[in-house]
Amino acid sequence: MAVTNTESQPVPGGRKDVAVIYPTRNRPEMLMQSLAALLQNTVLPAEIVVVDQSDDDATKVALEQFGNPLVRHVPSDLRGLSNSRNVGIEASTGALIGFLDDDCIPAPDWVASALRAAGDFPQSQILIGEVYDEINEISGAALAGLTPRIVTLQGRNDPWIVGPTGGNSFFRRQVFEAVGVFDPVLGQGAEFPGAEDADMVYRVLKCGLEVTYTDAIRVHHLDWRNDEANINNTYNYGLGVGAMFAKHAAAGDRYPKRYIFARRFMIKFLAAPCYLLLARRVAYRRSVNWLRGIREGFSGWEKMNEP
């Protein structure tokens, strides 16, 4: 996919170098709640691109009624989170691109914090923030006098050290020219519904580029899944991780499979029988779902790419 480099047009009240991309599908109520918070930010982006994969016109109608000139509706027949982000990259024009999930509420200084981080770390190609379960963690009181926790990585490394949280991140546009866009077979709604953000961060680090995490870039995640859905979703994440490992191994890079797996995910396998003995059923089910997901994601990617 080509990456548009056209200079953005100034928008009153918006920073012309910043775009925000929302992937969304069939969740207009949550999207509107998140959009309302973004538009109350101390600094606004020049453009907000809503990439809509919905099955009906409810999101389109809600945006028309919302009627804000900063917000642009981009319908897409493609499915999956990575495809949505890639469509947004193509449709947007900002030099700094923020990705915000429709079930996340940005802090009042979300854009401003990203711009500060971009200035403080001019070599970092990706800026990753923190996701909080409690709304008060993104409040003005929580942000006042905050000393940010910062982690900067460069070179091949474990991407989970910096999160990663694709739904609360900012990318410099030129990084997509260097490493390409998000892998469409990874991420929610795709064949392997997870690890699209980890895969992108790993590719950037592998190229010798810099990535920075800071908890000053904050969002609150809306708790819309029940406990059972959250447990089951660990299987989806595992599928993505396994497919990511298989993809890089097939290209001759065994670092994720050998080192990241051993350091990051082996504990989930070793812990499973302990959780079972201790009757910690939720933790046991999570561990087993990770185990199944990673194994089946790895084999599934290999099968999908057989000659």
C-alpha atoms as a PDB file:
ATOM      1  CA  MET A   1       0.000   0.000   0.000  1.00  0.00           C
ATOM      2  CA  ALA A   2       1.331   3.417  -0.913  1.00  0.00           C
ATOM      3  CA  VAL A   3       1.590   5.909   1.929  1.00  0.00           C
ATOM      4  CA  THR A   4       0.265   9.365   1.195  1.00  0.00           C
ATOM      5  CA  ASN A   5       2.790  12.139   1.839  1.00  0.00           C
ATOM      6  CA  THR A   6       0.652  15.096   0.809  1.00  0.00           C
ATOM      7  CA  GLU A   7       0.907  18.017   3.222  1.00  0.00           C
ATOM      8  CA  SER A   8      -2.279  18.417   5.222  1.00  0.00           C
ATOM      9  CA  GLN A   9      -4.408  21.528   4.931  1.00  0.00           C
ATOM     10  CA  PRO A  10      -4.706  23.740   8.016  1.00  0.00           C
ATOM     11  CA  VAL A  11      -7.893  23.266   9.999  1.00  0.00           C
ATOM     12  CA  PRO A  12      -9.009  25.973  12.457  1.00  0.00           C
ATOM     13  CA  GLY A  13      -8.106  24.850  15.968  1.00  0.00           C
ATOM     14  CA  GLY A  14      -6.152  21.813  14.816  1.00  0.00           C
ATOM     15  CA  ARG A  15      -2.452  20.973  14.556  1.00  0.00           C
ATOM     16  CA  LYS A  16      -1.868  20.442  10.827  1.00  0.00           C
ATOM     17  CA  ASP A  17       0.928  17.924  11.490  1.00  0.00           C
ATOM     18  CA  VAL A  18      -1.293  15.575  13.551  1.00  0.00           C
ATOM     19  CA  ALA A  19      -3.898  13.073  12.342  1.00  0.00           C
ATOM     20  CA  VAL A  20      -5.889  10.647  14.486  1.00  0.00           C
ATOM     21  CA  ILE A  21      -7.255   7.396  13.053  1.00  0.00           C
ATOM     22  CA  TYR A  22     -10.195   5.511  14.543  1.00  0.00           C
ATOM     23  CA  PRO A  23     -10.854   1.959  13.357  1.00  0.00           C
ATOM     24  CA  THR A  24     -14.469   1.103  14.138  1.00  0.00           C
ATOM     25  CA  ARG A  25     -17.124  -1.487  13.402  1.00  0.00           C
ATOM     26  CA  ASN A  26     -20.700  -1.556  14.667  1.00  0.00           C
ATOM     27  CA  ARG A  27     -19.992   0.448  17.841  1.00  0.00           C
ATOM     28  CA  PRO A  28     -21.295   3.978  17.222  1.00  0.00           C
ATOM     29  CA  GLU A  29     -22.147   4.660  20.870  1.00  0.00           C
ATOM     30  CA  MET A  30     -18.628   3.947  22.116  1.00  0.00           C
ATOM     31  CA  LEU A  31     -17.113   5.784  19.159  1.00  0.00           C
ATOM     32  CA  MET A  32     -19.147   8.909  19.901  1.00  0.00           C
ATOM     33  CA  GLN A  33     -18.115   8.807  23.557  1.00  0.00           C
ATOM     34  CA  SER A  34     -14.445   8.569  22.599  1.00  0.00           C
ATOM     35  CA  LEU A  35     -14.740  11.255  19.928  1.00  0.00           C
ATOM     36  CA  ALA A  36     -16.381  13.668  22.361  1.00  0.00           C
ATOM     37  CA  ALA A  37     -13.447  13.248  24.747  1.00  0.00           C
ATOM     38  CA  LEU A  38     -10.880  13.695  21.974  1.00  0.00           C
ATOM     39  CA  LEU A  39     -12.537  16.911  20.807  1.00  0.00           C
ATOM     40  CA  GLN A  40     -12.263  18.279  24.341  1.00  0.00           C
ATOM     41  CA  ASN A  41      -8.469  17.877  24.270  1.00  0.00           C
ATOM     42  CA  THR A  42      -6.293  20.860  25.063  1.00  0.00           C
ATOM     43  CA  VAL A  43      -4.699  20.450  21.615  1.00  0.00           C
ATOM     44  CA  LEU A  44      -6.688  19.129  18.653  1.00  0.00           C
ATOM     45  CA  PRO A  45      -5.446  17.249  15.600  1.00  0.00           C
ATOM     46  CA  ALA A  46      -6.025  18.700  12.138  1.00  0.00           C
ATOM     47  CA  GLU A  47      -7.965  15.620  11.039  1.00  0.00           C
ATOM     48  CA  ILE A  48      -9.773  12.706  12.629  1.00  0.00           C
ATOM     49  CA  VAL A  49     -10.257   9.831  10.195  1.00  0.00           C
ATOM     50  CA  VAL A  50     -12.928   7.307  11.174  1.00  0.00           C
ATOM     51  CA  VAL A  51     -12.416   4.128   9.171  1.00  0.00           C
ATOM     52  CA  ASP A  52     -15.814   2.462   9.287  1.00  0.00           C
ATOM     53  CA  GLN A  53     -16.122  -1.285   8.650  1.00  0.00           C
ATOM     54  CA  SER A  54     -19.672  -1.453  10.013  1.00  0.00           C
ATOM     55  CA  ASP A  55     -22.398  -3.681   8.615  1.00  0.00           C
ATOM     56  CA  ASP A  56     -24.957  -0.861   8.581  1.00  0.00           C
ATOM     57  CA  ASP A  57     -25.155   2.934   8.363  1.00  0.00           C
ATOM     58  CA  ALA A  58     -25.527   3.602  12.098  1.00  0.00           C
ATOM     59  CA  THR A  59     -21.969   4.925  12.483  1.00  0.00           C
ATOM     60  CA  LYS A  60     -22.245   7.076   9.365  1.00  0.00           C
ATOM     61  CA  VAL A  61     -25.528   8.563  10.593  1.00  0.00           C
ATOM     62  CA  ALA A  62     -24.105   9.213  14.073  1.00  0.00           C
ATOM     63  CA  LEU A  63     -21.126  11.049  12.577  1.00  0.00           C
ATOM     64  CA  GLU A  64     -23.368  13.126  10.318  1.00  0.00           C
ATOM     65  CA  GLN A  65     -25.417  14.145  13.341  1.00  0.00           C
ATOM     66  CA  PHE A  66     -22.206  14.833  15.254  1.00  0.00           C
ATOM     67  CA  GLY A  67     -21.272  17.255  12.476  1.00  0.00           C
ATOM     68  CA  ASN A  68     -17.731  18.211  13.436  1.00  0.00           C
ATOM     69  CA  PRO A  69     -15.547  19.457  10.531  1.00  0.00           C
ATOM     70  CA  LEU A  70     -12.427  17.790  11.955  1.00  0.00           C
ATOM     71  CA  VAL A  71     -14.014  14.339  11.611  1.00  0.00           C
ATOM     72  CA  ARG A  72     -13.959  12.511   8.286  1.00  0.00           C
ATOM     73  CA  HIS A  73     -15.901   9.304   7.653  1.00  0.00           C
ATOM     74  CA  VAL A  74     -14.081   6.744   5.477  1.00  0.00           C
ATOM     75  CA  PRO A  75     -16.147   3.611   4.789  1.00  0.00           C
ATOM     76  CA  SER A  76     -14.218   0.409   4.103  1.00  0.00           C
ATOM     77  CA  ASP A  77     -15.292  -3.022   2.882  1.00  0.00           C
ATOM     78  CA  LEU A  78     -12.048  -4.514   4.179  1.00  0.00           C
ATOM     79  CA  ARG A  79     -12.280  -6.331   7.494  1.00  0.00           C
ATOM     80  CA  GLY A  80      -9.852  -6.435  10.389  1.00  0.00           C
ATOM     81  CA  LEU A  81      -8.068  -3.964  12.626  1.00  0.00           C
ATOM     82  CA  SER A  82      -4.855  -3.879  10.594  1.00  0.00           C
ATOM     83  CA  ASN A  83      -6.717  -3.222   7.356  1.00  0.00           C
ATOM     84  CA  SER A  84      -8.606  -0.420   9.072  1.00  0.00           C
ATOM     85  CA  ARG A  85      -5.418   1.223  10.277  1.00  0.00           C
ATOM     86  CA  ASN A  86      -3.824   0.849   6.861  1.00  0.00           C
ATOM     87  CA  VAL A  87      -6.811   2.486   5.165  1.00  0.00           C
ATOM     88  CA  GLY A  88      -6.540   5.321   7.682  1.00  0.00           C
ATOM     89  CA  ILE A  89      -2.844   5.798   6.954  1.00  0.00           C
ATOM     90  CA  GLU A  90      -3.635   6.069   3.252  1.00  0.00           C
ATOM     91  CA  ALA A  91      -6.520   8.468   3.822  1.00  0.00           C
ATOM     92  CA  SER A  92      -4.765  10.776   6.299  1.00  0.00           C
ATOM     93  CA  THR A  93      -2.157  13.454   5.714  1.00  0.00           C
ATOM     94  CA  GLY A  94      -0.580  14.252   9.096  1.00  0.00           C
ATOM     95  CA  ALA A  95       3.121  13.739   9.737  1.00  0.00           C
ATOM     96  CA  LEU A  96       2.342  12.335  13.205  1.00  0.00           C
ATOM     97  CA  ILE A  97      -0.426   9.735  13.145  1.00  0.00           C
ATOM     98  CA  GLY A  98      -2.271   8.776  16.318  1.00  0.00           C
ATOM     99  CA  PHE A  99      -4.201   5.517  16.540  1.00  0.00           C
ATOM    100  CA  LEU A 100      -7.090   5.425  19.006  1.00  0.00           C
ATOM    101  CA  ASP A 101      -9.456   2.500  19.487  1.00  0.00           C
ATOM    102  CA  ASP A 102     -13.152   3.324  19.592  1.00  0.00           C
ATOM    103  CA  ASP A 103     -13.494   1.773  23.061  1.00  0.00           C
ATOM    104  CA  CYS A 104     -10.855   4.059  24.583  1.00  0.00           C
ATOM    105  CA  ILE A 105     -11.322   7.485  26.168  1.00  0.00           C
ATOM    106  CA  PRO A 106      -8.299   9.755  25.691  1.00  0.00           C
ATOM    107  CA  ALA A 107      -6.970  11.925  28.506  1.00  0.00           C
ATOM    108  CA  PRO A 108      -7.602  15.690  28.201  1.00  0.00           C
ATOM    109  CA  ASP A 109      -3.966  16.193  27.158  1.00  0.00           C
ATOM    110  CA  TRP A 110      -3.655  13.074  24.973  1.00  0.00           C
ATOM    111  CA  VAL A 111      -2.576  14.920  21.824  1.00  0.00           C
ATOM    112  CA  ALA A 112      -0.486  17.445  23.761  1.00  0.00           C
ATOM    113  CA  SER A 113       1.372  14.663  25.596  1.00  0.00           C
ATOM    114  CA  ALA A 114       2.150  12.930  22.310  1.00  0.00           C
ATOM    115  CA  LEU A 115       3.492  16.162  20.822  1.00  0.00           C
ATOM    116  CA  ARG A 116       5.683  16.710  23.890  1.00  0.00           C
ATOM    117  CA  ALA A 117       7.016  13.167  23.629  1.00  0.00           C
ATOM    118  CA  ALA A 118       7.632  13.601  19.900  1.00  0.00           C
ATOM    119  CA  GLY A 119       9.689  16.700  20.675  1.00  0.00           C
ATOM    120  CA  ASP A 120      11.561  15.088  23.573  1.00  0.00           C
ATOM    121  CA  PHE A 121      12.360  11.958  21.524  1.00  0.00           C
ATOM    122  CA  PRO A 122      12.851  13.170  17.945  1.00  0.00           C
ATOM    123  CA  GLN A 123      14.479   9.884  16.893  1.00  0.00           C
ATOM    124  CA  SER A 124      11.603   7.714  18.110  1.00  0.00           C
ATOM    125  CA  GLN A 125       9.423   6.514  15.264  1.00  0.00           C
ATOM    126  CA  ILE A 126       6.676   5.149  17.510  1.00  0.00           C
ATOM    127  CA  LEU A 127       5.341   6.627  20.744  1.00  0.00           C
ATOM    128  CA  ILE A 128       3.286   4.191  22.829  1.00  0.00           C
ATOM    129  CA  GLY A 129       1.077   5.156  25.746  1.00  0.00           C
ATOM    130  CA  GLU A 130      -0.640   3.414  28.654  1.00  0.00           C
ATOM    131  CA  VAL A 131      -4.178   2.040  28.895  1.00  0.00           C
ATOM    132  CA  TYR A 132      -5.975   2.309  32.247  1.00  0.00           C
ATOM    133  CA  ASP A 133      -9.025   0.469  33.520  1.00  0.00           C
ATOM    134  CA  GLU A 134     -10.026   3.322  35.854  1.00  0.00           C
ATOM    135  CA  ILE A 135     -11.282   6.624  34.434  1.00  0.00           C
ATOM    136  CA  ASN A 136      -9.695   8.618  37.265  1.00  0.00           C
ATOM    137  CA  GLU A 137      -6.242   7.597  36.023  1.00  0.00           C
ATOM    138  CA  ILE A 138      -6.619   9.977  33.057  1.00  0.00           C
ATOM    139  CA  SER A 139      -8.155  12.843  35.022  1.00  0.00           C
ATOM    140  CA  GLY A 140      -6.602  16.262  35.415  1.00  0.00           C
ATOM    141  CA  ALA A 141      -5.764  15.444  39.029  1.00  0.00           C
ATOM    142  CA  ALA A 142      -3.866  12.305  37.996  1.00  0.00           C
ATOM    143  CA  LEU A 143      -2.002  14.194  35.294  1.00  0.00           C
ATOM    144  CA  ALA A 144      -1.065  17.163  37.480  1.00  0.00           C
ATOM    145  CA  GLY A 145       2.568  16.995  38.514  1.00  0.00           C
ATOM    146  CA  LEU A 146       2.993  13.618  36.792  1.00  0.00           C
ATOM    147  CA  THR A 147       6.558  12.390  36.384  1.00  0.00           C
ATOM    148  CA  PRO A 148       6.226  10.127  33.364  1.00  0.00           C
ATOM    149  CA  ARG A 149       7.631   6.622  33.288  1.00  0.00           C
ATOM    150  CA  ILE A 150       9.607   6.321  30.068  1.00  0.00           C
ATOM    151  CA  VAL A 151      11.174   3.349  28.295  1.00  0.00           C
ATOM    152  CA  THR A 152      13.089   3.711  25.042  1.00  0.00           C
ATOM    153  CA  LEU A 153      14.207   0.755  22.918  1.00  0.00           C
ATOM    154  CA  GLN A 154      16.335   0.471  19.811  1.00  0.00           C
ATOM    155  CA  GLY A 155      17.502  -2.632  17.973  1.00  0.00           C
ATOM    156  CA  ARG A 156      15.984  -6.086  17.949  1.00  0.00           C
ATOM    157  CA  ASN A 157      14.195  -6.628  21.226  1.00  0.00           C
ATOM    158  CA  ASP A 158      11.022  -7.856  22.911  1.00  0.00           C
ATOM    159  CA  PRO A 159       8.252  -5.468  21.774  1.00  0.00           C
ATOM    160  CA  TRP A 160       6.126  -6.266  24.830  1.00  0.00           C
ATOM    161  CA  ILE A 161       8.610  -4.321  26.966  1.00  0.00           C
ATOM    162  CA  VAL A 162       6.896  -1.181  25.631  1.00  0.00           C
ATOM    163  CA  GLY A 163       3.366  -2.564  25.698  1.00  0.00           C
ATOM    164  CA  PRO A 164       2.655  -2.455  22.928  1.00  0.00           C
ATOM    165  CA  THR A 165      -0.757  -0.851  22.742  1.00  0.00           C
ATOM    166  CA  GLY A 166      -1.676  -0.144  19.141  1.00  0.00           C
ATOM    167  CA  GLY A 167      -4.932   1.520  20.182  1.00  0.00           C
ATOM    168  CA  ASN A 168      -3.011   4.192  22.099  1.00  0.00           C
ATOM    169  CA  SER A 169      -0.008   5.008  19.943  1.00  0.00           C
ATOM    170  CA  PHE A 170       1.493   7.614  17.639  1.00  0.00           C
ATOM    171  CA  PHE A 171       3.590   6.874  14.545  1.00  0.00           C
ATOM    172  CA  ARG A 172       5.723   9.184  12.460  1.00  0.00           C
ATOM    173  CA  ARG A 173       4.520   8.810   8.900  1.00  0.00           C
ATOM    174  CA  GLN A 174       7.968   8.059   7.488  1.00  0.00           C
ATOM    175  CA  VAL A 175       8.209   4.836   9.495  1.00  0.00           C
ATOM    176  CA  PHE A 176       5.682   3.199   7.156  1.00  0.00           C
ATOM    177  CA  GLU A 177       7.989   3.934   4.234  1.00  0.00           C
ATOM    178  CA  ALA A 178      10.785   2.171   6.105  1.00  0.00           C
ATOM    179  CA  VAL A 179       9.005  -0.978   7.327  1.00  0.00           C
ATOM    180  CA  GLY A 180       5.612  -1.072   5.585  1.00  0.00           C
ATOM    181  CA  VAL A 181       2.152  -0.939   7.103  1.00  0.00           C
ATOM    182  CA  PHE A 182       0.335  -3.245   9.529  1.00  0.00           C
ATOM    183  CA  ASP A 183       0.161  -6.925   8.585  1.00  0.00           C
ATOM    184  CA  PRO A 184      -3.467  -7.520   7.514  1.00  0.00           C
ATOM    185  CA  VAL A 185      -3.504 -11.173   8.669  1.00  0.00           C
ATOM    186  CA  LEU A 186      -2.855 -10.036  12.260  1.00  0.00           C
ATOM    187  CA  GLY A 187      -5.178  -8.152  14.604  1.00  0.00           C
ATOM    188  CA  GLN A 188      -8.814  -8.304  15.675  1.00  0.00           C
ATOM    189  CA  GLY A 189     -11.115  -9.298  12.834  1.00  0.00           C
ATOM    190  CA  ALA A 190      -8.303 -10.992  10.882  1.00  0.00           C
ATOM    191  CA  GLU A 191      -7.224 -14.624  10.499  1.00  0.00           C
ATOM    192  CA  PHE A 192      -5.016 -14.284  13.580  1.00  0.00           C
ATOM    193  CA  PRO A 193      -6.745 -11.744  15.846  1.00  0.00           C
ATOM    194  CA  GLY A 194      -3.849 -10.307  17.818  1.00  0.00           C
ATOM    195  CA  ALA A 195      -0.218  -9.089  17.870  1.00  0.00           C
ATOM    196  CA  GLU A 196      -0.488  -6.664  14.937  1.00  0.00           C
ATOM    197  CA  ASP A 197       0.970  -3.929  17.134  1.00  0.00           C
ATOM    198  CA  ALA A 198       3.739  -6.145  18.549  1.00  0.00           C
ATOM    199  CA  ASP A 199       4.651  -7.239  15.031  1.00  0.00           C
ATOM    200  CA  MET A 200       4.897  -3.619  13.861  1.00  0.00           C
ATOM    201  CA  VAL A 201       7.005  -2.568  16.864  1.00  0.00           C
ATOM    202  CA  TYR A 202       9.301  -5.563  16.389  1.00  0.00           C
ATOM    203  CA  ARG A 203       9.795  -4.736  12.704  1.00  0.00           C
ATOM    204  CA  VAL A 204      10.650  -1.129  13.570  1.00  0.00           C
ATOM    205  CA  LEU A 205      13.130  -2.182  16.269  1.00  0.00           C
ATOM    206  CA  LYS A 206      14.662  -4.793  13.971  1.00  0.00           C
ATOM    207  CA  CYS A 207      15.395  -2.025  11.450  1.00  0.00           C
ATOM    208  CA  GLY A 208      17.454  -0.241  14.115  1.00  0.00           C
ATOM    209  CA  LEU A 209      14.850   2.465  14.685  1.00  0.00           C
ATOM    210  CA  GLU A 210      13.782   3.798  18.073  1.00  0.00           C
ATOM    211  CA  VAL A 211      10.519   3.254  19.955  1.00  0.00           C
ATOM    212  CA  THR A 212       9.488   5.054  23.149  1.00  0.00           C
ATOM    213  CA  TYR A 213       6.847   4.210  25.748  1.00  0.00           C
ATOM    214  CA  THR A 214       5.563   6.871  28.128  1.00  0.00           C
ATOM    215  CA  ASP A 215       2.668   6.626  30.549  1.00  0.00           C
ATOM    216  CA  ALA A 216       2.014  10.349  30.023  1.00  0.00           C
ATOM    217  CA  ILE A 217       0.043   9.383  26.882  1.00  0.00           C
ATOM    218  CA  ARG A 218      -3.030   7.981  28.639  1.00  0.00           C
ATOM    219  CA  VAL A 219      -6.359   6.477  27.705  1.00  0.00           C
ATOM    220  CA  HIS A 220      -9.117   4.785  29.674  1.00  0.00           C
ATOM    221  CA  HIS A 221     -10.407   1.506  28.246  1.00  0.00           C
ATOM    222  CA  LEU A 222     -14.174   1.051  28.439  1.00  0.00           C
ATOM    223  CA  ASP A 223     -15.003  -2.227  30.171  1.00  0.00           C
ATOM    224  CA  TRP A 224     -17.537  -3.662  27.736  1.00  0.00           C
ATOM    225  CA  ARG A 225     -16.517  -7.338  27.736  1.00  0.00           C
ATOM    226  CA  ASN A 226     -17.707  -9.641  30.487  1.00  0.00           C
ATOM    227  CA  ASP A 227     -15.275 -11.879  32.381  1.00  0.00           C
ATOM    228  CA  GLU A 228     -15.915 -14.868  30.140  1.00  0.00           C
ATOM    229  CA  ALA A 229     -15.258 -12.853  26.992  1.00  0.00           C
ATOM    230  CA  ASN A 230     -12.015 -11.508  28.445  1.00  0.00           C
ATOM    231  CA  ILE A 231     -10.842 -15.031  29.249  1.00  0.00           C
ATOM    232  CA  ASN A 232     -11.722 -16.261  25.777  1.00  0.00           C
ATOM    233  CA  ASN A 233     -10.011 -13.286  24.155  1.00  0.00           C
ATOM    234  CA  THR A 234      -6.639 -14.465  25.447  1.00  0.00           C
ATOM    235  CA  TYR A 235      -6.914 -17.280  22.904  1.00  0.00           C
ATOM    236  CA  ASN A 236      -7.265 -14.694  20.126  1.00  0.00           C
ATOM    237  CA  TYR A 237      -4.206 -12.829  21.363  1.00  0.00           C
ATOM    238  CA  GLY A 238      -2.308 -16.107  21.446  1.00  0.00           C
ATOM    239  CA  LEU A 239      -3.249 -16.849  17.839  1.00  0.00           C
ATOM    240  CA  GLY A 240      -1.741 -13.549  16.794  1.00  0.00           C
ATOM    241  CA  VAL A 241       1.444 -14.106  18.785  1.00  0.00           C
ATOM    242  CA  GLY A 242       1.918 -17.599  17.346  1.00  0.00           C
ATOM    243  CA  ALA A 243       1.357 -16.368  13.791  1.00  0.00           C
ATOM    244  CA  MET A 244       3.800 -13.513  14.337  1.00  0.00           C
ATOM    245  CA  PHE A 245       6.476 -15.946  15.547  1.00  0.00           C
ATOM    246  CA  ALA A 246       5.853 -18.263  12.584  1.00  0.00           C
ATOM    247  CA  LYS A 247       6.027 -15.405  10.084  1.00  0.00           C
ATOM    248  CA  HIS A 248       9.413 -14.191  11.270  1.00  0.00           C
ATOM    249  CA  ALA A 249      10.775 -17.740  11.634  1.00  0.00           C
ATOM    250  CA  ALA A 250       9.794 -18.479   8.010  1.00  0.00           C
ATOM    251  CA  ALA A 251      11.764 -15.383   6.947  1.00  0.00           C
ATOM    252  CA  GLY A 252      14.855 -16.738   8.730  1.00  0.00           C
ATOM    253  CA  ASP A 253      14.488 -14.662  11.907  1.00  0.00           C
ATOM    254  CA  ARG A 254      14.132 -17.001  14.861  1.00  0.00           C
ATOM    255  CA  TYR A 255      14.667 -14.350  17.548  1.00  0.00           C
ATOM    256  CA  PRO A 256      10.924 -14.014  18.383  1.00  0.00           C
ATOM    257  CA  LYS A 257      10.394 -17.775  18.525  1.00  0.00           C
ATOM    258  CA  ARG A 258      13.513 -18.527  20.551  1.00  0.00           C
ATOM    259  CA  TYR A 259      14.092 -15.522  22.776  1.00  0.00           C
ATOM    260  CA  ILE A 260      10.865 -13.560  23.072  1.00  0.00           C
ATOM    261  CA  PHE A 261       8.835 -16.718  23.613  1.00  0.00           C
ATOM    262  CA  ALA A 262      11.247 -18.021  26.257  1.00  0.00           C
ATOM    263  CA  ARG A 263      11.415 -14.735  28.150  1.00  0.00           C
ATOM    264  CA  ARG A 264       7.842 -13.537  27.776  1.00  0.00           C
ATOM    265  CA  PHE A 265       5.476 -16.475  27.267  1.00  0.00           C
ATOM    266  CA  MET A 266       7.098 -19.623  28.657  1.00  0.00           C
ATOM    267  CA  ILE A 267       5.925 -18.683  32.153  1.00  0.00           C
ATOM    268  CA  LYS A 268       2.309 -18.953  30.993  1.00  0.00           C
ATOM    269  CA  PHE A 269       2.916 -22.582  30.044  1.00  0.00           C
ATOM    270  CA  LEU A 270       4.825 -23.428  33.216  1.00  0.00           C
ATOM    271  CA  ALA A 271       2.247 -21.723  35.420  1.00  0.00           C
ATOM    272  CA  ALA A 272      -0.777 -23.601  34.062  1.00  0.00           C
ATOM    273  CA  PRO A 273      -0.403 -26.804  36.158  1.00  0.00           C
ATOM    274  CA  CYS A 274       0.346 -24.702  39.256  1.00  0.00           C
ATOM    275  CA  TYR A 275      -2.863 -22.736  38.780  1.00  0.00           C
ATOM    276  CA  LEU A 276      -4.751 -25.996  38.382  1.00  0.00           C
ATOM    277  CA  LEU A 277      -3.322 -27.423  41.612  1.00  0.00           C
ATOM    278  CA  LEU A 278      -4.173 -24.210  43.447  1.00  0.00           C
ATOM    279  CA  ALA A 279      -7.725 -24.251  42.062  1.00  0.00           C
ATOM    280  CA  ARG A 280      -7.200 -20.853  40.437  1.00  0.00           C
ATOM    281  CA  ARG A 281      -9.523 -21.663  37.586  1.00  0.00           C
ATOM    282  CA  VAL A 282      -9.574 -18.263  35.864  1.00  0.00           C
ATOM    283  CA  ALA A 283      -5.770 -18.016  35.804  1.00  0.00           C
ATOM    284  CA  TYR A 284      -5.571 -21.631  34.629  1.00  0.00           C
ATOM    285  CA  ARG A 285      -8.002 -21.028  31.769  1.00  0.00           C
ATOM    286  CA  ARG A 286      -6.110 -17.907  30.703  1.00  0.00           C
ATOM    287  CA  SER A 287      -2.827 -19.806  30.609  1.00  0.00           C
ATOM    288  CA  VAL A 288      -4.335 -22.689  28.661  1.00  0.00           C
ATOM    289  CA  ASN A 289      -5.891 -20.268  26.175  1.00  0.00           C
ATOM    290  CA  TRP A 290      -2.507 -18.636  25.641  1.00  0.00           C
ATOM    291  CA  LEU A 291      -0.939 -22.075  25.142  1.00  0.00           C
ATOM    292  CA  ARG A 292      -3.561 -23.191  22.620  1.00  0.00           C
ATOM    293  CA  GLY A 293      -3.577 -19.860  20.829  1.00  0.00           C
ATOM    294  CA  ILE A 294       0.188 -19.593  20.350  1.00  0.00           C
ATOM    295  CA  ARG A 295       0.502 -23.209  19.242  1.00  0.00           C
ATOM    296  CA  GLU A 296      -2.427 -23.032  16.833  1.00  0.00           C
ATOM    297  CA  GLY A 297      -1.445 -19.594  15.558  1.00  0.00           C
ATOM    298  CA  PHE A 298       2.036 -20.835  14.726  1.00  0.00           C
ATOM    299  CA  SER A 299       0.817 -23.959  12.931  1.00  0.00           C
ATOM    300  CA  GLY A 300      -2.065 -22.080  11.315  1.00  0.00           C
ATOM    301  CA  TRP A 301       0.236 -19.463   9.785  1.00  0.00           C
ATOM    302  CA  GLU A 302       2.543 -22.194   8.472  1.00  0.00           C
ATOM    303  CA  LYS A 303      -0.411 -24.056   6.943  1.00  0.00           C
ATOM    304  CA  MET A 304      -1.800 -20.892   5.367  1.00  0.00           C
ATOM    305  CA  ASN A 305       1.571 -20.188   3.742  1.00  0.00           C
ATOM    306  CA  GLU A 306       2.410 -23.684   2.522  1.00  0.00           C
ATOM    307  CA  PRO A 307       3.769 -23.656  -1.054  1.00  0.00           C
END
